[in-house]
Amino acid sequence: MASLLGFGHLFVAAFIVLSGYCLMLPVAATEGLELRGGVWEFLKRRAWRILPPYYASLAISLIIILLAPSMRHSSGMHSDLALPAFTPDVILSHLFMVHNLSPKWELKINGVYWSIGLEWQIYFVFALVLLPICRRIGIVPSVIASIGLGLIPWYKSAFYITLFGLGMAAAMYTERRGNGGPKRLIAIGGAVLAIIATGLRVLTSDFGFGVFVAFFLMYGTLSLRAVSSNAPLPLRLLSSKAFVNLGVFSYSLYLTHEPLIALLHIGLRYLHLTENREFLVLLILTPLVALPVAYMFHVIFEKPFQTAMKPKIG
């Protein structure tokens, strides 16, 4: 079980592909591949969506580190990666969303924040580079550009730009190539080839898993459009009420879970449990604590901004 939990990074790859897919899908539906309201309005909507909860979580994470003595100093636990948390360069890099650009900053304060900085930067790449290329000369050159950007040597997370480009391409295929059965078969075949191409290691390769997700998104969307009922089991599961409700506050859950796990881990140390029992208790307690806390965080710091956006994007 512990080894399986070590593959959590794969879901960042999946999210980046999904982000490219979801952001490109409405654009692909327009005649001129235009962002609604233009680039500036797009960036404003994205900022309004992700930054207020992020900054609230950043403040709360810093307060937790400040108030919990065991988190202010190295204690031999995973939370040590968050330190030092109060140096000027760490604080400023997180405020300006560039913390993922340096190993000295990326895992400080709250280890999940590196992907938020990455996503924020990709919004600019999408609106200012990839989409204009797609608009002028097509989606294939745009994907090639994303591959080129993914090879930037000094940008550790650059290959995620390539995954974002694959999500864009999947959206274009879905929107522009029709909804028929053969198209779904192509999507299925692509997903199978993605697994084979990675040597059946799709669950250990970020890129391979991202490619698989891109084809799965095409297959899922085309299937739902072609069949109004009796959708394939994976799609029925993902569209179930439980998963949909969890998705509503999943961003808040992502932002808040790591400091909560750190606090639980510190508390369990006082019980002097064996390593296996400590892990098992932590595995059980984490969702029981993290889910309600994340939902409360969502209601206070995320939902008001979502509600305020609705009249503008509805």
Protein backbone atom coordinates (compact mmCIF):
# COMPACT_ATOMS: atom_id res chain seq x y z
CA MET A 1 0.00 0.00 0.00
CA ALA A 2 2.78 2.41 0.91
CA SER A 3 4.45 1.79 -2.45
CA LEU A 4 1.19 2.55 -4.26
CA LEU A 5 0.86 5.86 -2.44
CA GLY A 6 4.25 6.79 -3.84
CA PHE A 7 2.66 7.15 -7.27
CA GLY A 8 0.61 10.18 -6.27
CA HIS A 9 2.72 12.36 -8.56
CA LEU A 10 1.07 10.65 -11.52
CA PHE A 11 -2.16 12.45 -10.74
CA VAL A 12 -0.40 15.78 -11.20
CA ALA A 13 0.40 14.61 -14.74
CA ALA A 14 -3.23 13.59 -15.18
CA PHE A 15 -4.41 16.97 -13.89
CA ILE A 16 -2.15 18.88 -16.29
CA VAL A 17 -3.50 16.89 -19.25
CA LEU A 18 -7.04 17.42 -17.99
CA SER A 19 -6.35 21.13 -17.60
CA GLY A 20 -5.18 21.42 -21.20
CA TYR A 21 -8.21 19.43 -22.33
CA CYS A 22 -10.78 21.45 -20.37
CA LEU A 23 -9.30 24.84 -21.24
CA MET A 24 -9.01 23.98 -24.94
CA LEU A 25 -12.39 22.29 -25.37
CA PRO A 26 -14.53 25.49 -25.38
CA VAL A 27 -11.90 27.22 -27.52
CA ALA A 28 -11.96 24.37 -30.04
CA ALA A 29 -15.73 24.83 -30.33
CA THR A 30 -15.30 28.40 -31.66
CA GLU A 31 -14.71 29.18 -35.31
CA GLY A 32 -11.51 31.16 -34.80
CA LEU A 33 -10.19 29.31 -31.73
CA GLU A 34 -10.78 32.40 -29.62
CA LEU A 35 -10.64 32.77 -25.85
CA ARG A 36 -13.87 34.25 -24.58
CA GLY A 37 -13.19 37.86 -23.75
CA GLY A 38 -9.60 37.66 -24.95
CA VAL A 39 -6.34 36.83 -23.20
CA TRP A 40 -6.68 39.36 -20.40
CA GLU A 41 -10.15 38.16 -19.41
CA PHE A 42 -8.97 34.56 -19.53
CA LEU A 43 -6.07 35.30 -17.17
CA LYS A 44 -8.36 37.25 -14.86
CA ARG A 45 -10.77 34.32 -14.66
CA ARG A 46 -7.94 31.89 -13.96
CA ALA A 47 -6.49 34.19 -11.28
CA TRP A 48 -9.87 34.59 -9.62
CA ARG A 49 -10.31 30.83 -9.66
CA ILE A 50 -7.03 29.60 -8.18
CA LEU A 51 -5.24 32.45 -6.40
CA PRO A 52 -7.59 33.38 -3.49
CA PRO A 53 -7.75 29.80 -2.12
CA TYR A 54 -4.02 29.41 -2.73
CA TYR A 55 -3.10 32.52 -0.76
CA ALA A 56 -5.51 31.58 2.04
CA SER A 57 -3.94 28.13 2.23
CA LEU A 58 -0.46 29.68 2.15
CA ALA A 59 -1.28 31.87 5.14
CA ILE A 60 -2.81 28.96 7.07
CA SER A 61 0.16 26.70 6.33
CA LEU A 62 2.57 29.33 7.62
CA ILE A 63 0.48 29.79 10.77
CA ILE A 64 0.47 26.03 11.39
CA ILE A 65 4.25 25.87 11.05
CA LEU A 66 4.62 28.87 13.34
CA LEU A 67 2.34 27.49 16.06
CA ALA A 68 3.41 23.82 15.96
CA PRO A 69 6.86 23.52 17.61
CA SER A 70 7.52 20.13 16.02
CA MET A 71 7.06 21.63 12.56
CA ARG A 72 9.43 24.55 13.10
CA HIS A 73 12.46 22.29 13.46
CA SER A 74 13.74 19.16 11.75
CA SER A 75 12.12 16.09 13.32
CA GLY A 76 12.96 13.31 10.86
CA MET A 77 9.51 13.38 9.26
CA HIS A 78 8.20 14.25 5.81
CA SER A 79 7.21 17.71 7.08
CA ASP A 80 10.92 18.59 7.30
CA LEU A 81 10.78 19.28 3.55
CA ALA A 82 8.70 22.38 4.31
CA LEU A 83 11.62 24.00 6.12
CA PRO A 84 12.91 26.66 6.10
CA ALA A 85 9.55 28.31 5.60
CA PHE A 86 10.10 31.88 6.70
CA THR A 87 13.16 33.02 4.77
CA PRO A 88 12.49 36.04 2.50
CA ASP A 89 13.27 34.17 -0.71
CA VAL A 90 10.88 31.33 0.15
CA ILE A 91 8.06 33.73 1.09
CA LEU A 92 8.51 35.97 -1.96
CA SER A 93 8.82 33.06 -4.41
CA HIS A 94 5.50 31.69 -3.15
CA LEU A 95 3.79 35.06 -3.25
CA PHE A 96 4.85 35.62 -6.86
CA MET A 97 4.12 32.01 -7.90
CA VAL A 98 7.66 31.19 -9.05
CA HIS A 99 8.56 28.78 -6.24
CA ASN A 100 8.54 25.77 -8.57
CA LEU A 101 11.48 27.21 -10.52
CA SER A 102 14.07 26.37 -7.87
CA PRO A 103 14.66 23.24 -5.74
CA LYS A 104 15.41 25.64 -2.87
CA TRP A 105 11.77 26.81 -2.87
CA GLU A 106 9.51 24.26 -4.55
CA LEU A 107 8.68 22.02 -1.55
CA LYS A 108 8.83 24.64 1.17
CA ILE A 109 5.84 25.64 3.35
CA ASN A 110 3.48 23.13 1.71
CA GLY A 111 4.90 20.52 -0.65
CA VAL A 112 1.94 20.53 -3.06
CA TYR A 113 2.32 24.19 -3.97
CA TRP A 114 4.91 23.51 -6.69
CA SER A 115 2.17 22.25 -9.01
CA ILE A 116 0.02 25.35 -8.40
CA GLY A 117 2.90 27.56 -9.51
CA LEU A 118 3.39 25.32 -12.54
CA GLU A 119 -0.29 25.49 -13.50
CA TRP A 120 -0.28 29.28 -13.14
CA GLN A 121 2.71 29.60 -15.47
CA ILE A 122 1.17 27.22 -18.01
CA TYR A 123 -1.87 29.50 -18.29
CA PHE A 124 0.42 32.18 -19.77
CA VAL A 125 2.14 29.67 -22.07
CA PHE A 126 -1.27 28.48 -23.27
CA ALA A 127 -2.74 31.92 -23.93
CA LEU A 128 0.38 33.63 -25.30
CA VAL A 129 2.27 30.83 -27.09
CA LEU A 130 0.48 27.53 -27.71
CA LEU A 131 -2.94 28.87 -28.63
CA PRO A 132 -1.66 31.52 -31.09
CA ILE A 133 0.45 28.84 -32.81
CA CYS A 134 -2.58 26.55 -33.00
CA ARG A 135 -4.71 29.36 -34.35
CA ARG A 136 -2.27 30.29 -37.10
CA ILE A 137 -0.76 26.99 -38.28
CA GLY A 138 -2.59 24.18 -36.49
CA ILE A 139 -2.65 21.92 -33.45
CA VAL A 140 0.25 19.71 -34.58
CA PRO A 141 2.75 22.61 -34.63
CA SER A 142 1.33 23.70 -31.29
CA VAL A 143 2.02 20.25 -29.80
CA ILE A 144 5.51 20.31 -31.34
CA ALA A 145 6.06 23.68 -29.66
CA SER A 146 4.91 22.21 -26.35
CA ILE A 147 7.44 19.41 -26.81
CA GLY A 148 10.17 21.97 -27.47
CA LEU A 149 9.22 23.96 -24.39
CA GLY A 150 9.16 20.70 -22.45
CA LEU A 151 12.87 20.29 -23.14
CA ILE A 152 13.94 23.54 -21.47
CA PRO A 153 16.87 22.35 -19.33
CA TRP A 154 16.65 24.88 -16.50
CA TYR A 155 12.89 24.47 -16.04
CA LYS A 156 12.52 21.32 -13.96
CA SER A 157 8.77 20.95 -14.61
CA ALA A 158 8.97 21.84 -18.31
CA PHE A 159 7.78 18.43 -19.55
CA TYR A 160 4.37 19.16 -18.03
CA ILE A 161 3.95 21.77 -20.78
CA THR A 162 4.13 18.88 -23.24
CA LEU A 163 1.42 17.05 -21.30
CA PHE A 164 -0.71 20.20 -21.39
CA GLY A 165 -0.20 20.31 -25.16
CA LEU A 166 -1.40 16.72 -25.43
CA GLY A 167 -4.53 17.70 -23.54
CA MET A 168 -5.08 20.52 -26.02
CA ALA A 169 -4.67 18.11 -28.94
CA ALA A 170 -7.14 15.67 -27.37
CA ALA A 171 -9.68 18.48 -27.06
CA MET A 172 -9.21 19.49 -30.69
CA TYR A 173 -9.68 15.89 -31.82
CA THR A 174 -12.79 15.51 -29.70
CA GLU A 175 -14.39 18.73 -30.90
CA ARG A 176 -13.39 18.75 -34.56
CA ARG A 177 -13.38 15.08 -35.59
CA GLY A 178 -16.93 14.01 -34.90
CA ASN A 179 -18.51 11.66 -32.39
CA GLY A 180 -18.81 8.39 -34.27
CA GLY A 181 -17.88 4.89 -33.18
CA PRO A 182 -14.65 4.68 -35.26
CA LYS A 183 -13.36 7.78 -33.48
CA ARG A 184 -13.95 6.13 -30.14
CA LEU A 185 -12.12 3.04 -31.33
CA ILE A 186 -9.16 5.19 -32.31
CA ALA A 187 -9.16 6.70 -28.83
CA ILE A 188 -9.24 3.24 -27.24
CA GLY A 189 -6.44 2.06 -29.52
CA GLY A 190 -4.37 5.09 -28.61
CA ALA A 191 -4.79 4.40 -24.91
CA VAL A 192 -3.67 0.80 -25.42
CA LEU A 193 -0.67 1.91 -27.47
CA ALA A 194 0.24 4.41 -24.74
CA ILE A 195 0.48 1.52 -22.30
CA ILE A 196 2.48 -0.65 -24.68
CA ALA A 197 4.84 2.21 -25.62
CA THR A 198 5.82 2.65 -21.99
CA GLY A 199 6.58 -1.03 -21.58
CA LEU A 200 3.44 -1.67 -19.55
CA ARG A 201 4.75 0.83 -17.02
CA VAL A 202 2.00 3.39 -17.49
CA LEU A 203 1.53 3.52 -13.71
CA THR A 204 5.14 4.54 -13.10
CA SER A 205 5.75 6.97 -15.97
CA ASP A 206 4.37 10.51 -15.71
CA PHE A 207 4.52 10.98 -19.47
CA GLY A 208 3.06 7.56 -20.26
CA PHE A 209 0.25 8.07 -17.79
CA GLY A 210 -0.42 11.53 -19.23
CA VAL A 211 -0.69 10.11 -22.75
CA PHE A 212 -3.08 7.43 -21.48
CA VAL A 213 -5.23 10.10 -19.79
CA ALA A 214 -5.37 12.16 -23.01
CA PHE A 215 -6.72 9.21 -24.99
CA PHE A 216 -9.09 8.26 -22.18
CA LEU A 217 -10.52 11.79 -22.16
CA MET A 218 -11.17 11.57 -25.90
CA TYR A 219 -12.79 8.17 -25.53
CA GLY A 220 -14.89 9.27 -22.56
CA THR A 221 -16.18 12.46 -24.14
CA LEU A 222 -16.98 10.82 -27.48
CA SER A 223 -18.71 7.94 -25.72
CA LEU A 224 -20.89 10.25 -23.63
CA ARG A 225 -21.84 12.25 -26.70
CA ALA A 226 -22.67 9.16 -28.74
CA VAL A 227 -24.55 7.29 -26.01
CA SER A 228 -26.90 9.19 -23.75
CA SER A 229 -27.49 6.14 -21.53
CA ASN A 230 -25.69 2.95 -20.59
CA ALA A 231 -22.27 4.64 -20.64
CA PRO A 232 -19.19 2.46 -20.03
CA LEU A 233 -18.59 1.53 -16.38
CA PRO A 234 -15.52 3.77 -15.84
CA LEU A 235 -17.50 6.78 -17.07
CA ARG A 236 -20.51 5.93 -14.88
CA LEU A 237 -18.19 5.65 -11.90
CA LEU A 238 -16.43 8.96 -12.55
CA SER A 239 -19.76 10.73 -13.12
CA SER A 240 -21.36 9.27 -9.99
CA LYS A 241 -22.68 11.63 -7.35
CA ALA A 242 -19.89 10.81 -4.90
CA PHE A 243 -17.12 11.63 -7.38
CA VAL A 244 -18.88 14.74 -8.64
CA ASN A 245 -19.39 16.06 -5.11
CA LEU A 246 -15.76 15.34 -4.26
CA GLY A 247 -14.67 17.19 -7.38
CA VAL A 248 -16.49 20.31 -6.21
CA PHE A 249 -13.97 20.86 -3.41
CA SER A 250 -11.05 18.81 -4.70
CA TYR A 251 -8.88 21.92 -5.15
CA SER A 252 -9.39 22.81 -1.49
CA LEU A 253 -8.58 19.23 -0.52
CA TYR A 254 -5.37 19.40 -2.52
CA LEU A 255 -4.33 22.68 -0.90
CA THR A 256 -5.01 21.64 2.69
CA HIS A 257 -4.22 17.95 3.01
CA GLU A 258 -0.43 18.06 3.45
CA PRO A 259 -0.23 20.21 6.63
CA LEU A 260 -3.09 18.16 8.11
CA ILE A 261 -1.21 14.94 7.46
CA ALA A 262 1.88 16.48 9.06
CA LEU A 263 -0.09 17.41 12.20
CA LEU A 264 -1.65 13.95 12.43
CA HIS A 265 1.76 12.35 11.98
CA ILE A 266 3.22 14.46 14.77
CA GLY A 267 0.33 13.57 17.07
CA LEU A 268 0.70 9.85 16.40
CA ARG A 269 4.37 9.97 17.36
CA TYR A 270 3.29 10.53 20.97
CA LEU A 271 1.53 7.13 20.94
CA HIS A 272 4.81 5.32 20.20
CA LEU A 273 3.19 2.97 17.69
CA THR A 274 5.14 0.64 15.47
CA GLU A 275 5.84 1.99 12.02
CA ASN A 276 3.23 -0.26 10.38
CA ARG A 277 0.52 0.59 12.92
CA GLU A 278 1.32 4.27 12.68
CA PHE A 279 0.96 4.10 8.91
CA LEU A 280 -2.35 2.22 9.15
CA VAL A 281 -3.83 4.67 11.67
CA LEU A 282 -2.66 7.59 9.56
CA LEU A 283 -4.23 6.01 6.48
CA ILE A 284 -7.59 5.73 8.28
CA LEU A 285 -7.53 9.10 10.03
CA THR A 286 -6.41 11.23 7.11
CA PRO A 287 -9.64 11.10 5.04
CA LEU A 288 -11.77 11.39 8.18
CA VAL A 289 -10.04 14.65 9.05
CA ALA A 290 -8.98 16.02 5.67
CA LEU A 291 -12.36 15.77 3.91
CA PRO A 292 -14.43 17.84 6.38
CA VAL A 293 -11.61 20.35 6.85
CA ALA A 294 -11.22 20.73 3.09
CA TYR A 295 -14.95 21.22 2.65
CA MET A 296 -15.01 23.95 5.29
CA PHE A 297 -12.03 25.60 3.60
CA HIS A 298 -13.90 25.36 0.29
CA VAL A 299 -17.00 27.04 1.71
CA ILE A 300 -14.99 29.89 3.25
CA PHE A 301 -12.17 30.52 0.80
CA GLU A 302 -13.09 28.94 -2.56
CA LYS A 303 -16.85 28.87 -3.11
CA PRO A 304 -17.40 32.65 -2.72
CA PHE A 305 -15.03 33.30 -5.62
CA GLN A 306 -16.64 30.58 -7.74
CA THR A 307 -20.04 32.13 -7.08
CA ALA A 308 -18.77 35.60 -7.94
CA MET A 309 -17.46 34.29 -11.26
CA LYS A 310 -20.71 32.68 -12.39
CA PRO A 311 -22.47 35.77 -13.77
CA LYS A 312 -19.37 36.49 -15.87
CA ILE A 313 -18.83 33.05 -17.32
CA GLY A 314 -22.30 31.63 -17.41
